[in-house]
Protein backbone atom coordinates (compact mmCIF):
# COMPACT_ATOMS: atom_id res chain seq x y z
CA MET A 1 46.41 -12.99 -22.17
CA LYS A 2 43.11 -10.91 -20.45
CA SER A 3 44.27 -9.62 -17.02
CA PRO A 4 42.09 -10.89 -14.32
CA LEU A 5 39.30 -7.96 -13.58
CA HIS A 6 38.97 -6.47 -10.04
CA VAL A 7 36.21 -4.15 -9.27
CA VAL A 8 36.32 -1.69 -6.66
CA ILE A 9 32.92 -0.67 -5.11
CA LEU A 10 32.99 2.68 -3.23
CA ALA A 11 30.05 2.09 -0.85
CA ALA A 12 31.10 3.82 2.31
CA GLY A 13 28.98 7.52 2.20
CA LYS A 14 26.94 8.09 4.91
CA GLY A 15 24.33 9.75 2.44
CA THR A 16 23.36 12.83 4.80
CA ARG A 17 20.97 14.31 2.36
CA MET A 18 18.86 11.26 2.33
CA ASN A 19 17.69 11.83 5.81
CA SER A 20 17.50 8.38 6.87
CA ALA A 21 18.98 5.86 9.18
CA LEU A 22 19.60 3.28 6.32
CA PRO A 23 22.74 3.61 4.46
CA LYS A 24 22.31 5.37 1.08
CA VAL A 25 23.27 2.30 -1.07
CA LEU A 26 20.97 0.05 0.75
CA HIS A 27 18.28 2.33 -0.35
CA PRO A 28 15.99 0.04 -3.18
CA VAL A 29 15.61 0.50 -6.67
CA GLY A 30 13.27 -1.85 -8.57
CA GLY A 31 12.89 -3.22 -4.88
CA LYS A 32 16.78 -3.83 -4.88
CA PRO A 33 18.94 -2.09 -2.76
CA MET A 34 21.34 0.22 -5.43
CA LEU A 35 24.26 -2.03 -4.09
CA GLY A 36 22.69 -5.17 -5.30
CA HIS A 37 22.30 -4.08 -8.77
CA VAL A 38 26.06 -2.62 -9.11
CA LEU A 39 27.10 -6.29 -7.59
CA ASP A 40 24.71 -7.83 -10.40
CA THR A 41 25.97 -5.89 -13.11
CA ALA A 42 30.12 -7.02 -11.55
CA ALA A 43 28.68 -10.50 -11.76
CA ALA A 44 27.31 -9.50 -15.26
CA LEU A 45 31.36 -8.77 -16.51
CA LYS A 46 32.14 -11.75 -15.21
CA ALA A 47 34.45 -10.32 -12.21
CA ASP A 48 37.17 -12.33 -10.76
CA ALA A 49 36.71 -10.50 -7.52
CA VAL A 50 34.90 -7.57 -5.65
CA HIS A 51 36.29 -4.72 -3.06
CA ILE A 52 33.65 -3.25 -1.22
CA VAL A 53 34.68 -0.27 0.12
CA HIS A 54 32.21 0.47 3.10
CA GLY A 55 32.11 2.76 6.36
CA HIS A 56 28.90 3.83 6.97
CA GLY A 57 26.25 1.72 7.94
CA SER A 58 28.78 -1.20 7.61
CA LYS A 59 27.09 -3.19 9.79
CA LEU A 60 23.65 -3.07 7.82
CA ILE A 61 25.41 -3.59 4.60
CA ARG A 62 27.10 -6.57 5.62
CA THR A 63 23.83 -7.86 6.90
CA TRP A 64 21.87 -7.20 3.95
CA PHE A 65 24.35 -8.96 1.84
CA GLU A 66 24.67 -11.77 3.49
CA GLY A 67 20.88 -12.34 3.60
CA ARG A 68 20.20 -11.14 -0.16
CA ASP A 69 18.67 -13.24 -2.89
CA LEU A 70 20.74 -13.74 -6.22
CA GLY A 71 17.67 -13.94 -7.99
CA GLY A 72 19.22 -17.35 -9.56
CA GLN A 73 22.58 -15.71 -10.35
CA THR A 74 25.07 -18.94 -10.55
CA LYS A 75 28.45 -17.75 -9.94
CA ASP A 76 28.98 -14.77 -7.29
CA PRO A 77 32.46 -12.84 -7.92
CA SER A 78 34.67 -13.09 -4.73
CA ILE A 79 33.75 -10.64 -2.19
CA VAL A 80 36.63 -8.58 -0.17
CA TRP A 81 35.38 -6.04 2.52
CA VAL A 82 37.32 -3.07 2.73
CA LEU A 83 36.85 -0.73 5.89
CA GLN A 84 37.22 2.96 5.05
CA GLY A 85 37.88 4.72 8.40
CA PRO A 86 38.07 8.58 8.04
CA GLN A 87 36.50 9.13 4.59
CA LEU A 88 39.02 11.35 2.88
CA GLY A 89 38.07 11.57 -0.64
CA THR A 90 37.19 9.06 -3.63
CA GLY A 91 40.78 8.80 -4.27
CA HIS A 92 41.63 7.76 -0.72
CA ALA A 93 38.64 5.12 -0.60
CA VAL A 94 40.22 3.79 -4.02
CA GLN A 95 43.66 3.67 -2.57
CA GLN A 96 42.23 1.66 0.54
CA GLY A 97 40.12 -0.91 -1.75
CA MET A 98 43.19 -1.77 -3.78
CA ALA A 99 45.05 -3.04 -1.29
CA GLU A 100 44.63 -6.58 -2.10
CA ILE A 101 44.47 -6.60 -5.93
CA PRO A 102 47.40 -8.11 -7.93
CA ASP A 103 49.20 -5.83 -10.01
CA ALA A 104 48.46 -7.75 -12.99
CA ALA A 105 45.02 -7.28 -12.67
CA THR A 106 42.29 -4.38 -14.72
CA VAL A 107 40.68 -2.37 -11.94
CA LEU A 108 37.22 -1.05 -12.64
CA VAL A 109 35.68 1.48 -10.48
CA LEU A 110 31.89 1.31 -9.45
CA TYR A 111 29.81 3.44 -7.23
CA GLY A 112 27.34 2.11 -4.99
CA ASP A 113 24.78 4.70 -5.17
CA VAL A 114 24.78 4.93 -9.34
CA PRO A 115 22.84 1.86 -10.09
CA LEU A 116 21.23 2.14 -13.74
CA ILE A 117 25.02 1.61 -15.13
CA ARG A 118 24.95 -1.42 -17.87
CA ALA A 119 27.27 -3.90 -18.08
CA GLU A 120 27.47 -3.04 -22.28
CA THR A 121 28.51 0.19 -21.45
CA LEU A 122 31.51 -1.25 -19.13
CA ALA A 123 32.70 -3.32 -21.21
CA PRO A 124 34.91 -1.04 -23.69
CA ALA A 125 36.08 0.61 -20.93
CA ILE A 126 37.06 -2.49 -19.21
CA ALA A 127 39.35 -3.48 -22.53
CA ALA A 128 40.58 -0.38 -22.97
CA GLY A 129 41.81 -0.37 -19.17
CA GLU A 130 43.70 -3.29 -19.48
CA LYS A 131 47.05 -1.22 -21.29
CA THR A 132 45.87 2.49 -20.17
CA LEU A 133 43.47 4.67 -18.08
CA ALA A 134 40.04 4.63 -19.55
CA LEU A 135 36.84 6.85 -18.32
CA VAL A 136 33.18 6.92 -18.85
CA THR A 137 32.09 10.12 -20.09
CA ALA A 138 28.73 11.72 -20.62
CA THR A 139 27.33 14.88 -22.16
CA ALA A 140 24.98 16.44 -19.50
CA ALA A 141 22.00 18.67 -20.36
CA ASN A 142 23.02 20.37 -16.97
CA PRO A 143 26.43 19.63 -16.01
CA LYS A 144 25.73 20.85 -12.74
CA GLY A 145 27.57 18.98 -9.56
CA TYR A 146 29.70 17.21 -12.30
CA GLY A 147 33.50 17.39 -12.36
CA ARG A 148 34.29 18.38 -16.38
CA ILE A 149 36.64 16.63 -18.99
CA LEU A 150 39.41 18.93 -19.95
CA ARG A 151 40.83 18.10 -23.47
CA ASP A 152 43.34 19.85 -25.49
CA LYS A 153 43.41 21.15 -28.58
CA LYS A 154 43.86 18.08 -30.60
CA ASP A 155 40.45 16.50 -28.33
CA ALA A 156 42.84 14.19 -26.53
CA VAL A 157 42.06 14.14 -22.61
CA VAL A 158 44.54 16.17 -20.39
CA GLY A 159 42.68 16.25 -17.16
CA ILE A 160 39.31 16.74 -14.87
CA VAL A 161 38.26 19.41 -13.07
CA GLU A 162 35.98 19.43 -10.12
CA GLU A 163 33.19 21.88 -9.77
CA ASN A 164 34.26 23.31 -6.61
CA ASP A 165 37.71 24.60 -8.28
CA ALA A 166 36.76 25.09 -11.93
CA SER A 167 36.93 28.18 -13.92
CA ASP A 168 33.87 30.37 -15.34
CA ALA A 169 34.92 28.86 -18.83
CA GLU A 170 35.52 25.18 -17.29
CA LEU A 171 32.01 25.28 -15.87
CA ARG A 172 30.51 26.00 -19.17
CA ILE A 173 31.92 22.42 -20.28
CA THR A 174 29.41 19.83 -20.91
CA GLU A 175 31.59 16.64 -21.12
CA ILE A 176 31.06 15.47 -17.55
CA ASN A 177 32.98 12.55 -15.61
CA THR A 178 30.72 10.21 -14.45
CA GLY A 179 33.61 8.52 -11.68
CA PHE A 180 33.70 5.16 -13.86
CA LEU A 181 37.30 4.42 -14.51
CA ALA A 182 39.23 1.56 -15.47
CA ALA A 183 43.35 1.21 -15.37
CA PRO A 184 46.15 -1.64 -15.16
CA ALA A 185 46.26 -1.99 -11.24
CA LYS A 186 50.13 -1.28 -10.80
CA LYS A 187 49.55 2.16 -12.99
CA LEU A 188 46.68 3.37 -11.14
CA ARG A 189 48.36 2.26 -7.59
CA GLY A 190 50.84 4.48 -8.64
CA TRP A 191 48.73 7.41 -9.60
CA LEU A 192 46.83 7.07 -6.21
CA GLY A 193 50.00 7.26 -4.26
CA ARG A 194 51.35 10.70 -6.02
CA ILE A 195 47.66 12.36 -5.34
CA ASN A 196 47.26 15.34 -2.83
CA ASN A 197 44.16 16.93 -1.01
CA ASP A 198 45.32 20.72 -2.47
CA ASN A 199 41.78 21.22 -3.40
CA ALA A 200 38.97 23.34 -1.89
CA LYS A 201 37.12 20.41 -0.08
CA LYS A 202 40.42 19.18 1.25
CA GLU A 203 39.79 15.45 -0.09
CA PHE A 204 41.98 13.43 -2.39
CA TYR A 205 40.39 13.13 -5.56
CA LEU A 206 40.58 10.27 -7.59
CA THR A 207 40.02 12.62 -10.46
CA ASP A 208 43.45 13.48 -10.09
CA VAL A 209 44.82 10.40 -11.23
CA VAL A 210 44.00 11.98 -14.82
CA ALA A 211 46.50 14.56 -15.04
CA LEU A 212 48.73 12.64 -13.72
CA ALA A 213 48.41 9.49 -16.16
CA VAL A 214 48.84 12.20 -18.93
CA LYS A 215 52.37 13.54 -17.07
CA ASP A 216 53.04 10.18 -17.54
CA GLY A 217 52.64 9.96 -21.20
CA MET A 218 49.80 7.94 -21.44
CA LYS A 219 46.68 8.50 -23.33
CA VAL A 220 43.72 8.43 -21.42
CA ALA A 221 41.02 6.55 -23.69
CA THR A 222 37.00 7.45 -22.59
CA VAL A 223 33.90 5.53 -23.53
CA THR A 224 30.80 7.53 -23.72
CA ALA A 225 27.30 6.46 -22.07
CA SER A 226 24.51 8.01 -21.68
CA GLU A 227 23.47 10.37 -19.13
CA GLU A 228 20.56 8.25 -17.99
CA ASP A 229 22.93 5.47 -17.23
CA THR A 230 25.54 7.12 -14.76
CA LEU A 231 22.47 9.29 -12.88
CA GLY A 232 23.78 9.32 -8.80
CA VAL A 233 21.85 9.25 -6.14
CA ASN A 234 22.01 12.22 -3.15
CA ASP A 235 18.71 13.01 -2.15
CA ARG A 236 15.29 10.92 -2.05
CA ALA A 237 14.06 12.89 -5.27
CA GLN A 238 17.23 11.69 -7.15
CA LEU A 239 16.09 8.28 -5.93
CA ALA A 240 12.42 8.62 -7.28
CA GLN A 241 13.95 9.66 -10.69
CA LEU A 242 16.32 6.95 -11.08
CA GLU A 243 12.77 4.70 -9.72
CA ARG A 244 11.34 5.99 -12.75
CA LEU A 245 13.69 5.35 -15.55
CA PHE A 246 14.73 1.77 -13.82
CA GLN A 247 10.66 1.05 -14.83
CA SER A 248 10.38 2.39 -17.92
CA ARG A 249 13.27 0.67 -19.04
CA GLN A 250 11.87 -2.80 -17.56
CA ALA A 251 8.41 -1.75 -19.12
CA GLN A 252 10.04 -1.09 -22.55
CA LEU A 253 11.81 -4.52 -22.87
CA LEU A 254 8.41 -6.49 -21.18
CA MET A 255 6.71 -5.53 -23.96
CA GLN A 256 9.26 -6.11 -26.82
CA LYS A 257 8.65 -9.79 -25.43
CA GLY A 258 4.99 -9.37 -25.67
CA LEU A 259 3.59 -8.14 -22.58
CA ALA A 260 0.81 -5.82 -22.94
CA LEU A 261 0.96 -2.90 -20.70
CA ARG A 262 -2.26 -0.43 -20.55
CA ASP A 263 0.09 2.69 -19.42
CA PRO A 264 3.80 1.62 -18.93
CA ALA A 265 4.55 4.80 -16.77
CA ARG A 266 2.01 3.13 -14.22
CA PHE A 267 3.65 -0.21 -13.95
CA ASP A 268 5.93 -1.34 -11.51
CA LEU A 269 7.94 -4.58 -11.12
CA ARG A 270 10.22 -5.15 -7.87
CA GLY A 271 11.67 -8.37 -9.14
CA THR A 272 11.73 -11.11 -11.73
CA LEU A 273 8.62 -11.74 -14.43
CA LYS A 274 8.24 -14.46 -16.66
CA PHE A 275 5.11 -14.89 -18.69
CA GLY A 276 3.14 -16.72 -21.17
CA GLN A 277 1.62 -15.23 -24.87
CA ASP A 278 -0.79 -12.74 -24.76
CA CYS A 279 -0.87 -11.26 -21.00
CA SER A 280 -1.47 -7.97 -20.04
CA ALA A 281 -1.30 -5.81 -16.86
CA ASP A 282 -3.75 -2.30 -16.72
CA VAL A 283 -2.61 0.62 -14.37
CA GLY A 284 -1.14 0.58 -11.10
CA VAL A 285 -0.17 -2.76 -11.34
CA VAL A 286 2.91 -3.84 -9.05
CA MET A 287 4.74 -7.23 -9.14
CA GLU A 288 7.56 -7.74 -6.71
CA GLY A 289 9.52 -10.94 -5.83
CA ASP A 290 9.42 -13.83 -8.11
CA ILE A 291 6.27 -13.99 -10.73
CA GLU A 292 5.57 -16.41 -13.27
CA LEU A 293 1.92 -15.75 -15.44
CA GLY A 294 0.73 -18.69 -18.06
CA HIS A 295 -0.66 -17.65 -21.35
CA ASN A 296 -3.62 -15.53 -21.35
CA VAL A 297 -3.08 -13.75 -18.15
CA SER A 298 -5.33 -10.50 -17.52
CA ILE A 299 -4.35 -8.61 -14.55
CA GLY A 300 -6.77 -5.57 -13.39
CA PRO A 301 -5.74 -2.19 -12.50
CA TYR A 302 -4.03 -1.47 -8.65
CA VAL A 303 -3.44 -4.97 -7.95
CA VAL A 304 -0.49 -6.32 -6.46
CA LEU A 305 1.44 -9.44 -6.77
CA LYS A 306 4.01 -10.75 -4.85
CA ASP A 307 5.84 -14.19 -5.56
CA VAL A 308 2.71 -15.82 -7.02
CA LYS A 309 2.12 -18.24 -10.13
CA LEU A 310 -0.81 -17.77 -12.14
CA GLY A 311 -2.05 -20.26 -14.40
CA ASP A 312 -3.53 -19.94 -17.91
CA ASN A 313 -6.48 -17.90 -18.45
CA THR A 314 -6.52 -16.83 -15.18
CA ARG A 315 -7.62 -13.17 -14.30
CA VAL A 316 -7.36 -10.68 -11.56
CA GLU A 317 -9.57 -8.42 -10.80
CA SER A 318 -9.02 -4.89 -9.66
CA HIS A 319 -7.33 -3.92 -5.96
CA SER A 320 -6.60 -7.36 -4.82
CA VAL A 321 -3.52 -8.50 -3.17
CA LEU A 322 -2.17 -11.71 -4.11
CA GLU A 323 1.37 -13.47 -1.87
CA GLY A 324 2.51 -16.41 -2.41
CA VAL A 325 -0.27 -18.10 -4.47
CA VAL A 326 -0.57 -20.43 -6.89
CA THR A 327 -3.22 -21.25 -9.34
CA GLY A 328 -4.54 -23.42 -11.91
CA ARG A 329 -6.07 -22.51 -15.31
CA ASP A 330 -8.89 -20.51 -15.67
CA CYS A 331 -9.20 -18.86 -12.23
CA ARG A 332 -11.16 -16.11 -11.31
CA ILE A 333 -10.03 -13.54 -8.32
CA GLY A 334 -11.63 -10.14 -7.15
CA PRO A 335 -11.81 -7.37 -7.47
CA PHE A 336 -10.60 -6.59 -3.81
CA ALA A 337 -9.40 -10.16 -2.65
CA ARG A 338 -6.53 -10.82 -0.37
CA ILE A 339 -5.02 -13.92 -0.92
CA ARG A 340 -2.04 -14.76 1.30
CA PRO A 341 0.90 -16.78 1.65
CA GLU A 342 0.70 -21.04 1.33
CA THR A 343 -2.24 -20.58 -0.89
CA ARG A 344 -3.33 -22.90 -3.84
CA LEU A 345 -6.24 -22.95 -5.99
CA ALA A 346 -7.04 -25.47 -8.44
CA ASP A 347 -8.52 -24.47 -12.20
CA GLU A 348 -11.66 -23.04 -12.44
CA VAL A 349 -11.74 -21.60 -8.98
CA ARG A 350 -13.46 -18.27 -7.88
CA VAL A 351 -12.41 -15.71 -5.37
CA GLY A 352 -14.84 -12.92 -4.99
CA ASN A 353 -14.64 -9.42 -3.67
CA PHE A 354 -13.68 -8.91 -0.27
CA VAL A 355 -12.58 -12.53 0.36
CA GLU A 356 -9.45 -13.16 2.15
CA VAL A 357 -7.96 -16.63 1.51
CA LYS A 358 -5.00 -17.74 4.08
CA LYS A 359 -2.80 -21.29 3.89
CA SER A 360 -5.91 -23.02 2.49
CA THR A 361 -6.45 -25.02 -0.85
CA LEU A 362 -9.17 -24.79 -3.05
CA GLY A 363 -10.30 -27.62 -5.13
CA ALA A 364 -11.27 -27.44 -8.98
CA GLU A 365 -14.54 -25.11 -9.59
CA SER A 366 -15.15 -24.30 -6.13
CA LYS A 367 -16.12 -20.94 -5.44
CA ALA A 368 -16.01 -18.21 -2.32
CA ASN A 369 -17.40 -15.40 -3.97
CA HIS A 370 -18.54 -12.71 -1.53
CA LEU A 371 -17.21 -11.11 1.94
CA GLY A 372 -15.54 -14.61 3.62
CA TYR A 373 -12.46 -15.59 5.45
CA ILE A 374 -11.00 -18.62 4.67
CA GLY A 375 -7.71 -19.92 6.92
CA ASP A 376 -6.10 -23.18 7.34
CA ALA A 377 -8.83 -24.83 5.03
CA THR A 378 -8.48 -27.45 2.52
CA ILE A 379 -11.69 -27.46 0.51
CA GLY A 380 -12.63 -30.15 -2.17
CA ALA A 381 -13.95 -29.58 -5.63
CA ARG A 382 -17.49 -27.89 -6.68
CA VAL A 383 -17.99 -26.80 -3.04
CA ASN A 384 -19.81 -23.30 -3.01
CA VAL A 385 -18.73 -20.82 0.26
CA GLY A 386 -21.39 -18.72 0.51
CA ALA A 387 -21.23 -14.85 1.74
CA GLY A 388 -20.17 -14.08 4.86
CA VAL A 389 -18.29 -17.57 5.94
CA ILE A 390 -15.51 -17.46 8.02
CA THR A 391 -13.33 -20.66 9.54
CA VAL A 392 -12.74 -19.77 12.88
CA ASN A 393 -9.30 -21.22 12.58
CA TYR A 394 -7.34 -19.27 15.91
CA ASP A 395 -8.30 -20.23 19.64
CA GLY A 396 -5.78 -17.67 20.94
CA PHE A 397 -2.86 -20.10 20.85
CA ASN A 398 -3.07 -22.30 18.11
CA LYS A 399 -4.19 -22.58 14.52
CA HIS A 400 -6.61 -25.28 13.59
CA PRO A 401 -7.61 -26.94 10.28
CA THR A 402 -11.11 -26.99 8.81
CA LEU A 403 -11.71 -29.74 5.62
CA ILE A 404 -14.42 -29.45 3.44
CA GLY A 405 -15.46 -32.66 1.11
CA ASP A 406 -16.46 -32.31 -2.35
CA ASP A 407 -19.54 -31.05 -3.46
CA ALA A 408 -19.98 -29.36 -0.21
CA PHE A 409 -22.68 -26.41 -0.13
CA VAL A 410 -22.06 -23.93 3.03
CA GLY A 411 -24.80 -21.60 3.45
CA SER A 412 -23.90 -17.71 4.07
CA ASP A 413 -23.25 -16.30 7.33
CA THR A 414 -22.22 -19.72 8.46
CA GLN A 415 -19.07 -19.96 10.81
CA LEU A 416 -16.61 -22.98 10.96
CA ILE A 417 -15.07 -23.37 14.33
CA ALA A 418 -12.21 -25.22 13.96
CA PRO A 419 -10.74 -28.43 13.73
CA VAL A 420 -13.73 -29.39 11.89
CA LYS A 421 -14.72 -31.59 8.68
CA VAL A 422 -17.76 -30.94 6.65
CA GLY A 423 -18.76 -34.49 4.48
CA ALA A 424 -18.73 -34.25 0.94
CA ARG A 425 -22.21 -33.58 -0.83
CA ALA A 426 -23.35 -31.73 2.68
CA THR A 427 -25.25 -28.82 3.01
CA ILE A 428 -25.02 -26.47 5.70
CA GLY A 429 -28.09 -24.00 6.26
CA ALA A 430 -27.18 -20.25 6.08
CA GLY A 431 -26.31 -18.66 9.69
CA SER A 432 -25.65 -21.48 10.97
CA THR A 433 -22.34 -21.96 13.73
CA ILE A 434 -20.63 -25.27 13.00
CA THR A 435 -19.07 -26.62 16.15
CA LYS A 436 -19.12 -30.74 15.25
CA ASP A 437 -18.01 -32.66 12.25
CA VAL A 438 -20.83 -32.49 9.59
CA PRO A 439 -21.69 -35.76 7.99
CA ALA A 440 -22.08 -36.31 4.35
CA GLY A 441 -24.87 -35.39 2.23
CA GLY A 442 -28.25 -34.43 3.75
CA LEU A 443 -29.04 -30.91 5.54
CA THR A 444 -26.98 -29.54 9.01
CA ILE A 445 -28.57 -26.75 10.70
CA CYS A 446 -27.55 -24.79 13.97
CA ARG A 447 -29.44 -21.95 14.69
CA ALA A 448 -31.92 -20.41 17.29
CA ARG A 449 -35.17 -22.52 16.65
CA ASP A 450 -37.54 -19.61 17.05
CA GLN A 451 -37.72 -15.47 16.26
CA ARG A 452 -39.21 -13.49 19.16
CA THR A 453 -39.62 -9.57 19.58
CA LEU A 454 -39.69 -7.72 22.39
CA PRO A 455 -42.07 -4.73 22.08
CA LYS A 456 -40.58 -2.73 25.33
CA TRP A 457 -37.19 -3.60 24.98
CA THR A 458 -35.12 0.18 24.77
CA ARG A 459 -32.02 0.39 22.94
CA PRO A 460 -29.14 1.99 25.12
CA SER A 461 -28.35 5.18 24.97
CA LYS A 462 -25.69 7.85 26.18
CA LYS A 463 -26.10 9.33 29.44
CA LYS A 464 -26.38 13.01 29.49
CA PRO A 465 -23.74 15.08 31.30
């Protein structure tokens, strides 16, 4: 019978080299805190319980956890919070985390600042860890900073030496300890009780359990991982390195599924993406939150999308920012457009350059092509909104709606002082300031009747000191 899987995540470190008030494990990779990636891995492994050993920034970590987005995940493992007071090393941290783990369980140790480890890499270690101590190792081109795997002449693992305690010969070993291990809970608890802090750092090293297992006659199993899978974060440079690795992985998977990326090295997905056939993204595109693209959707260079759903054949031109937007088919947006949350665009809508739309609905075939602001508005079908048109929706205390009927034409440089209604087929002359409802049909103009020049008028100038 398969033993229950209990995961211990070490997340108590301060991360001094990050130079940040934010706990290290909450720094994001791909738009998600590193700890979130590790929890996703535990869920993918179908862990029965996850024991999070926390210390520095405990309140912030708990607050994030309680408000986090599970991203559609249906099963969240049981979470046990373990506060590590004095931080006396990795062995001490795991020992604290095992307080509520039954002897019959298999224990897997993960790290809150090593977010790229994959479930498929860990699965063989877990299987071996039901009966013996299993280590995940890697071969590093530059092993500096890592503990080295010690093997005998028969290639059996006999121990791990930390870099600070290693001899010159041991420092030349390139097989490194990644820190990930799995073991029977009862055995691991016993080994942890026997380790000491007789080392350069005066800490209780988790790695010391390896020599104890060998001493007890247990053959240590090893599973090989790629170095990329096991990279951790100690500073901002390493965080940036992991971000690029993560984005590269995502880009490769998306291209395999059919997404055309002009340059996969200049594409960032910080959330989830669903897309139809023949979709493309140019350089510098950033996608955040939940993104859904229909068929044949084209995203231009340096576009930011956050929580949007774009219909078939929609094209977003360069340097546009869309958040919380849903469009129909065949829409054209940008360049340099900003569309804010709660905006709905029907089929064949055009929103052009330097147009901002907020919390508004635009009906089919309507267009606002140049230099405008549309806020808190409901616009019908086939409406033309001219250049420089703004809805004046805020009176300093409250937001007010603007309603525009089908087939209306709003001339350039018009201000619609909300709340106001414009009837169907109405035409508003350019340069008008509309403060009253406009009836359907006909032409409405509100501007000065005469044009005058004052020839003797003098422009104000600065007074000379």
